[in-house]
N, C-alpha and C. Protein backbone atom coordinates (compact mmCIF):
# COMPACT_ATOMS: atom_id res chain seq x y z
N MET A 1 209.67 -84.84 131.66
CA MET A 1 209.21 -84.13 133.19
C MET A 1 210.61 -82.67 133.68
N VAL A 2 209.87 -81.99 134.13
CA VAL A 2 211.26 -80.72 133.97
C VAL A 2 210.74 -80.58 136.91
N THR A 3 212.18 -80.49 136.42
CA THR A 3 212.39 -80.90 138.21
C THR A 3 212.61 -79.64 138.71
N VAL A 4 212.74 -78.82 139.72
CA VAL A 4 213.02 -78.05 140.35
C VAL A 4 213.41 -78.44 141.57
N THR A 5 214.85 -77.08 142.13
CA THR A 5 215.51 -77.62 143.07
C THR A 5 214.95 -76.73 143.78
N ASP A 6 214.75 -76.99 145.35
CA ASP A 6 214.86 -76.19 146.46
C ASP A 6 214.76 -74.88 147.07
N LYS A 7 215.98 -74.28 145.91
CA LYS A 7 216.01 -72.71 145.66
C LYS A 7 214.84 -72.06 144.49
N ALA A 8 214.17 -72.59 143.67
CA ALA A 8 213.24 -72.69 142.66
C ALA A 8 211.93 -72.75 143.28
N LYS A 9 211.63 -74.01 144.04
CA LYS A 9 210.87 -73.79 144.89
C LYS A 9 210.32 -73.14 145.99
N ASP A 10 211.45 -72.41 146.65
CA ASP A 10 210.75 -70.97 147.46
C ASP A 10 210.79 -69.78 146.64
N LYS A 11 211.46 -69.74 145.51
CA LYS A 11 210.85 -68.15 144.66
C LYS A 11 209.47 -68.81 144.20
N VAL A 12 209.58 -69.71 143.79
CA VAL A 12 208.01 -70.04 142.97
C VAL A 12 206.68 -69.55 144.30
N VAL A 13 206.82 -70.33 145.01
CA VAL A 13 206.13 -69.84 145.85
C VAL A 13 205.80 -69.21 146.75
N HIS A 14 207.23 -68.44 146.94
CA HIS A 14 207.06 -67.11 147.84
C HIS A 14 206.42 -65.70 146.81
N LEU A 15 206.46 -66.20 145.18
CA LEU A 15 206.07 -65.33 143.58
C LEU A 15 204.79 -65.21 143.84
N MET A 16 204.44 -67.00 144.24
CA MET A 16 202.90 -66.63 144.38
C MET A 16 201.67 -66.32 144.86
N GLN A 17 202.46 -65.99 146.80
CA GLN A 17 202.60 -65.58 147.79
C GLN A 17 201.82 -64.24 147.52
N ASP A 18 202.83 -63.28 146.76
CA ASP A 18 203.47 -62.44 146.96
C ASP A 18 202.40 -61.95 145.62
N SER A 19 201.92 -62.59 144.46
CA SER A 19 200.54 -62.63 143.53
C SER A 19 199.75 -62.13 143.98
N GLY A 20 198.80 -62.53 145.26
CA GLY A 20 197.59 -63.34 145.67
C GLY A 20 197.39 -65.20 145.01
N LEU A 21 197.82 -65.18 144.32
CA LEU A 21 197.26 -66.48 143.54
C LEU A 21 196.93 -67.31 144.37
N ASP A 22 195.78 -68.70 144.11
CA ASP A 22 195.16 -69.79 144.81
C ASP A 22 195.82 -70.52 144.53
N GLU A 23 195.89 -71.53 144.71
CA GLU A 23 195.57 -73.37 144.44
C GLU A 23 195.61 -73.51 142.85
N SER A 24 194.33 -72.99 142.68
CA SER A 24 193.72 -73.30 141.12
C SER A 24 195.63 -73.36 139.84
N TYR A 25 196.36 -71.88 140.39
CA TYR A 25 197.35 -71.49 139.82
C TYR A 25 198.69 -72.67 139.91
N PHE A 26 199.15 -72.84 138.49
CA PHE A 26 200.47 -73.38 137.96
C PHE A 26 201.25 -72.86 137.74
N LEU A 27 202.33 -73.02 137.18
CA LEU A 27 203.14 -72.61 136.77
C LEU A 27 203.96 -73.62 135.48
N ARG A 28 203.64 -72.45 134.23
CA ARG A 28 203.92 -72.25 133.14
C ARG A 28 205.13 -72.27 132.29
N VAL A 29 205.64 -73.44 132.04
CA VAL A 29 206.46 -74.00 131.44
C VAL A 29 207.05 -74.25 129.88
N SER A 30 207.17 -72.49 128.60
CA SER A 30 207.39 -73.11 127.57
C SER A 30 207.90 -72.28 126.31
N VAL A 31 207.95 -72.73 125.32
CA VAL A 31 209.78 -72.33 124.51
C VAL A 31 209.32 -71.71 123.80
N GLN A 32 209.68 -71.08 123.55
CA GLN A 32 209.34 -69.88 121.94
C GLN A 32 210.60 -69.32 121.82
N GLY A 33 210.17 -69.54 119.70
CA GLY A 33 210.78 -68.66 119.43
C GLY A 33 211.74 -67.57 119.82
N GLY A 34 213.10 -67.57 119.74
CA GLY A 34 213.19 -65.83 119.78
C GLY A 34 214.73 -65.94 120.40
N GLY A 35 215.44 -65.16 120.73
CA GLY A 35 216.72 -65.24 121.75
C GLY A 35 217.25 -65.27 120.55
N CYS A 36 218.80 -64.99 121.29
CA CYS A 36 219.84 -65.15 120.15
C CYS A 36 220.59 -66.38 119.79
N SER A 37 220.15 -67.56 120.20
CA SER A 37 219.90 -68.56 120.34
C SER A 37 219.53 -69.73 119.67
N GLY A 38 218.02 -68.66 119.04
CA GLY A 38 216.94 -69.70 118.71
C GLY A 38 215.76 -69.99 119.17
N LEU A 39 215.83 -69.88 120.30
CA LEU A 39 214.70 -70.37 121.53
C LEU A 39 214.67 -69.89 122.55
N SER A 40 213.52 -69.16 123.35
CA SER A 40 213.96 -68.63 124.67
C SER A 40 212.27 -69.25 125.54
N TYR A 41 213.17 -69.80 126.69
CA TYR A 41 212.61 -69.87 127.82
C TYR A 41 211.18 -69.01 128.26
N ASN A 42 210.45 -69.31 128.61
CA ASN A 42 209.59 -68.52 129.40
C ASN A 42 208.47 -69.56 131.04
N LEU A 43 208.69 -68.59 131.63
CA LEU A 43 207.69 -69.18 132.51
C LEU A 43 206.85 -67.57 132.96
N ASP A 44 205.84 -68.30 133.50
CA ASP A 44 204.08 -67.35 133.41
C ASP A 44 203.34 -68.26 134.86
N PHE A 45 202.68 -67.69 135.78
CA PHE A 45 201.53 -68.51 136.16
C PHE A 45 200.34 -68.30 135.57
N ASP A 46 199.35 -69.30 135.04
CA ASP A 46 197.84 -69.79 134.97
C ASP A 46 197.04 -70.60 135.53
N ASN A 47 196.17 -71.00 135.43
CA ASN A 47 195.43 -71.31 135.86
C ASN A 47 194.06 -71.78 134.83
N GLU A 48 194.09 -71.76 133.48
CA GLU A 48 193.53 -72.64 132.53
C GLU A 48 194.40 -73.70 131.70
N ILE A 49 193.42 -74.96 131.26
CA ILE A 49 194.14 -75.67 131.08
C ILE A 49 193.98 -76.25 129.71
N LYS A 50 194.69 -76.11 129.21
CA LYS A 50 195.28 -76.12 127.24
C LYS A 50 194.74 -77.43 126.68
N LYS A 51 194.34 -77.71 126.00
CA LYS A 51 194.60 -78.67 124.97
C LYS A 51 195.98 -79.28 124.74
N GLY A 52 196.39 -80.64 125.19
CA GLY A 52 197.55 -81.49 125.41
C GLY A 52 198.95 -80.98 125.94
N ASP A 53 197.98 -79.78 127.35
CA ASP A 53 199.14 -79.66 128.44
C ASP A 53 199.29 -81.49 128.70
N GLN A 54 200.90 -81.11 129.21
CA GLN A 54 200.75 -82.03 130.05
C GLN A 54 202.35 -81.51 131.47
N PHE A 55 201.00 -82.08 132.35
CA PHE A 55 201.51 -81.20 134.31
C PHE A 55 202.44 -82.33 135.17
N PHE A 56 202.87 -81.61 135.62
CA PHE A 56 204.63 -82.10 136.32
C PHE A 56 204.26 -81.67 137.84
N GLU A 57 204.95 -82.34 138.60
CA GLU A 57 204.78 -81.62 140.28
C GLU A 57 206.05 -82.77 140.47
N ASP A 58 206.91 -81.38 141.47
CA ASP A 58 208.01 -81.89 141.75
C ASP A 58 208.27 -80.61 142.93
N LYS A 59 208.38 -81.33 144.30
CA LYS A 59 208.19 -80.64 145.67
C LYS A 59 207.65 -79.55 145.66
N GLY A 60 206.24 -80.51 145.14
CA GLY A 60 204.85 -79.24 145.71
C GLY A 60 204.48 -78.57 144.48
N VAL A 61 205.81 -78.15 143.65
CA VAL A 61 204.91 -76.96 142.59
C VAL A 61 204.20 -77.51 140.81
N ARG A 62 203.68 -77.11 141.16
CA ARG A 62 202.69 -77.74 139.52
C ARG A 62 203.19 -77.38 138.35
N MET A 63 203.38 -77.95 137.48
CA MET A 63 203.79 -77.07 136.09
C MET A 63 203.29 -77.67 134.66
N ALA A 64 203.28 -77.10 133.69
CA ALA A 64 201.99 -77.60 132.72
C ALA A 64 203.38 -76.93 131.30
N LEU A 65 203.44 -77.89 130.33
CA LEU A 65 204.56 -77.43 129.63
C LEU A 65 203.36 -78.07 128.23
N ASP A 66 203.11 -77.38 127.39
CA ASP A 66 202.28 -77.72 126.10
C ASP A 66 203.17 -78.43 125.82
N MET A 67 202.80 -79.55 124.22
CA MET A 67 203.77 -80.66 123.73
C MET A 67 205.05 -80.63 123.15
N LYS A 68 204.58 -79.44 122.31
CA LYS A 68 206.13 -78.93 122.13
C LYS A 68 207.06 -78.32 122.42
N SER A 69 206.55 -77.41 123.65
CA SER A 69 207.96 -77.52 124.95
C SER A 69 208.20 -78.29 125.47
N PHE A 70 206.80 -79.48 126.07
CA PHE A 70 207.93 -81.16 126.70
C PHE A 70 208.65 -81.83 125.95
N LEU A 71 209.23 -81.89 124.43
CA LEU A 71 209.40 -82.45 123.41
C LEU A 71 210.94 -81.43 123.47
N TYR A 72 211.01 -80.71 124.05
CA TYR A 72 212.33 -79.58 124.44
C TYR A 72 212.74 -79.22 125.71
N LEU A 73 211.99 -79.94 126.84
CA LEU A 73 212.46 -79.56 127.53
C LEU A 73 212.42 -80.28 128.77
N ALA A 74 212.18 -82.22 128.41
CA ALA A 74 212.13 -83.28 128.97
C ALA A 74 213.29 -83.56 129.36
N GLY A 75 213.36 -83.27 130.95
CA GLY A 75 214.55 -83.99 131.49
C GLY A 75 215.23 -82.66 132.22
N THR A 76 214.97 -81.22 131.67
CA THR A 76 215.51 -80.10 132.31
C THR A 76 214.98 -80.24 133.69
N GLU A 77 216.09 -78.98 134.60
CA GLU A 77 215.90 -78.72 135.66
C GLU A 77 215.69 -77.53 136.04
N LEU A 78 214.64 -76.81 136.90
CA LEU A 78 214.51 -75.40 137.12
C LEU A 78 215.61 -74.86 138.00
N ASP A 79 216.14 -73.88 138.38
CA ASP A 79 216.78 -73.27 139.45
C ASP A 79 216.76 -72.04 139.57
N PHE A 80 217.02 -71.42 140.74
CA PHE A 80 216.57 -69.98 140.76
C PHE A 80 218.42 -69.98 141.43
N SER A 81 219.04 -68.26 140.99
CA SER A 81 220.10 -67.64 141.63
C SER A 81 220.24 -66.97 141.69
N ASP A 82 220.58 -66.25 143.38
CA ASP A 82 220.11 -64.50 143.44
C ASP A 82 221.95 -64.38 144.47
N GLY A 83 222.88 -65.21 143.39
CA GLY A 83 224.05 -64.59 143.82
C GLY A 83 224.73 -63.20 142.82
N LEU A 84 225.52 -63.27 143.55
CA LEU A 84 226.44 -61.67 143.02
C LEU A 84 226.13 -61.46 141.40
N ASN A 85 226.46 -62.40 140.63
CA ASN A 85 227.00 -62.87 139.65
C ASN A 85 225.29 -62.86 138.78
N GLY A 86 224.70 -62.65 138.96
CA GLY A 86 223.03 -63.05 138.35
C GLY A 86 222.25 -63.11 139.02
N LYS A 87 220.53 -62.59 138.83
CA LYS A 87 219.18 -63.30 139.55
C LYS A 87 218.08 -63.25 138.88
N GLY A 88 218.14 -64.48 139.03
CA GLY A 88 217.30 -64.76 138.47
C GLY A 88 216.93 -66.63 138.03
N PHE A 89 215.68 -66.96 137.05
CA PHE A 89 215.63 -68.49 137.08
C PHE A 89 217.10 -69.01 136.46
N ASN A 90 217.04 -70.10 136.35
CA ASN A 90 218.00 -71.00 135.07
C ASN A 90 217.68 -71.90 135.28
N PHE A 91 218.02 -72.56 133.66
CA PHE A 91 217.58 -74.13 133.13
C PHE A 91 218.96 -74.38 133.10
N HIS A 92 218.84 -75.89 133.72
CA HIS A 92 219.60 -76.63 132.80
C HIS A 92 218.81 -77.61 131.92
N ASN A 93 219.52 -77.31 131.18
CA ASN A 93 218.36 -77.89 129.61
C ASN A 93 219.57 -79.29 128.98
N PRO A 94 219.06 -81.03 129.53
CA PRO A 94 220.30 -81.65 128.74
C PRO A 94 219.73 -81.64 127.43
N ASN A 95 218.86 -81.74 126.10
CA ASN A 95 218.83 -81.42 125.39
C ASN A 95 219.58 -80.11 124.62
N ALA A 96 219.75 -79.16 125.02
CA ALA A 96 220.33 -77.60 124.21
C ALA A 96 221.52 -78.15 124.11
N THR A 97 221.82 -77.57 122.62
CA THR A 97 222.98 -77.76 122.50
C THR A 97 224.29 -76.91 121.98
N ARG A 98 223.51 -75.63 122.75
CA ARG A 98 224.28 -74.33 122.79
C ARG A 98 222.85 -73.72 122.93
N THR A 99 223.84 -72.85 124.11
CA THR A 99 222.99 -71.60 124.93
C THR A 99 223.76 -70.43 124.61
N CYS A 100 223.07 -69.43 124.82
CA CYS A 100 223.73 -68.41 124.56
C CYS A 100 224.42 -67.34 125.92
N GLY A 101 225.27 -66.76 126.36
CA GLY A 101 225.55 -66.34 127.50
C GLY A 101 225.14 -65.99 128.56
N CYS A 102 223.58 -64.82 127.81
CA CYS A 102 223.15 -64.66 129.43
C CYS A 102 221.91 -65.81 130.14
N GLY A 103 222.08 -67.80 129.09
CA GLY A 103 221.31 -68.53 129.44
C GLY A 103 219.76 -68.21 129.47
N GLU A 104 219.39 -67.19 128.69
CA GLU A 104 218.40 -67.36 128.27
C GLU A 104 216.96 -68.01 126.97
N SER A 105 218.17 -68.35 126.41
CA SER A 105 217.99 -68.40 125.12
C SER A 105 218.94 -70.19 124.31
N PHE A 106 218.60 -70.75 123.70
CA PHE A 106 219.44 -71.99 123.84
C PHE A 106 218.98 -72.90 121.95
N SER A 107 219.63 -73.93 121.86
CA SER A 107 219.32 -74.66 120.19
C SER A 107 219.68 -75.93 120.57
N VAL A 108 218.92 -76.74 119.32
CA VAL A 108 219.30 -78.15 119.66
C VAL A 108 219.40 -78.76 118.37
């Protein structure tokens, strides 16, 4: 399961409203090859269910993960930071053995 902090939830809801997306949309969380550590996080809004999708809901945020991404992200917390040192979504992934300096890629 992937969880979200209150700040991440607020930002996701705000982005969905700004984009004019209705309740049929959900947050697609995935892992792709790339980045300086080998794997990169990806977030997007989607309304198409794909074969093998795993669905979770936390704090009212519906999320879909494909099976490969689920294996890498089980137990991960999605946070959002808008402080002086950076702005954006952050992943606290207990499965990552190494992360890059910017926090956008990882390896297991």
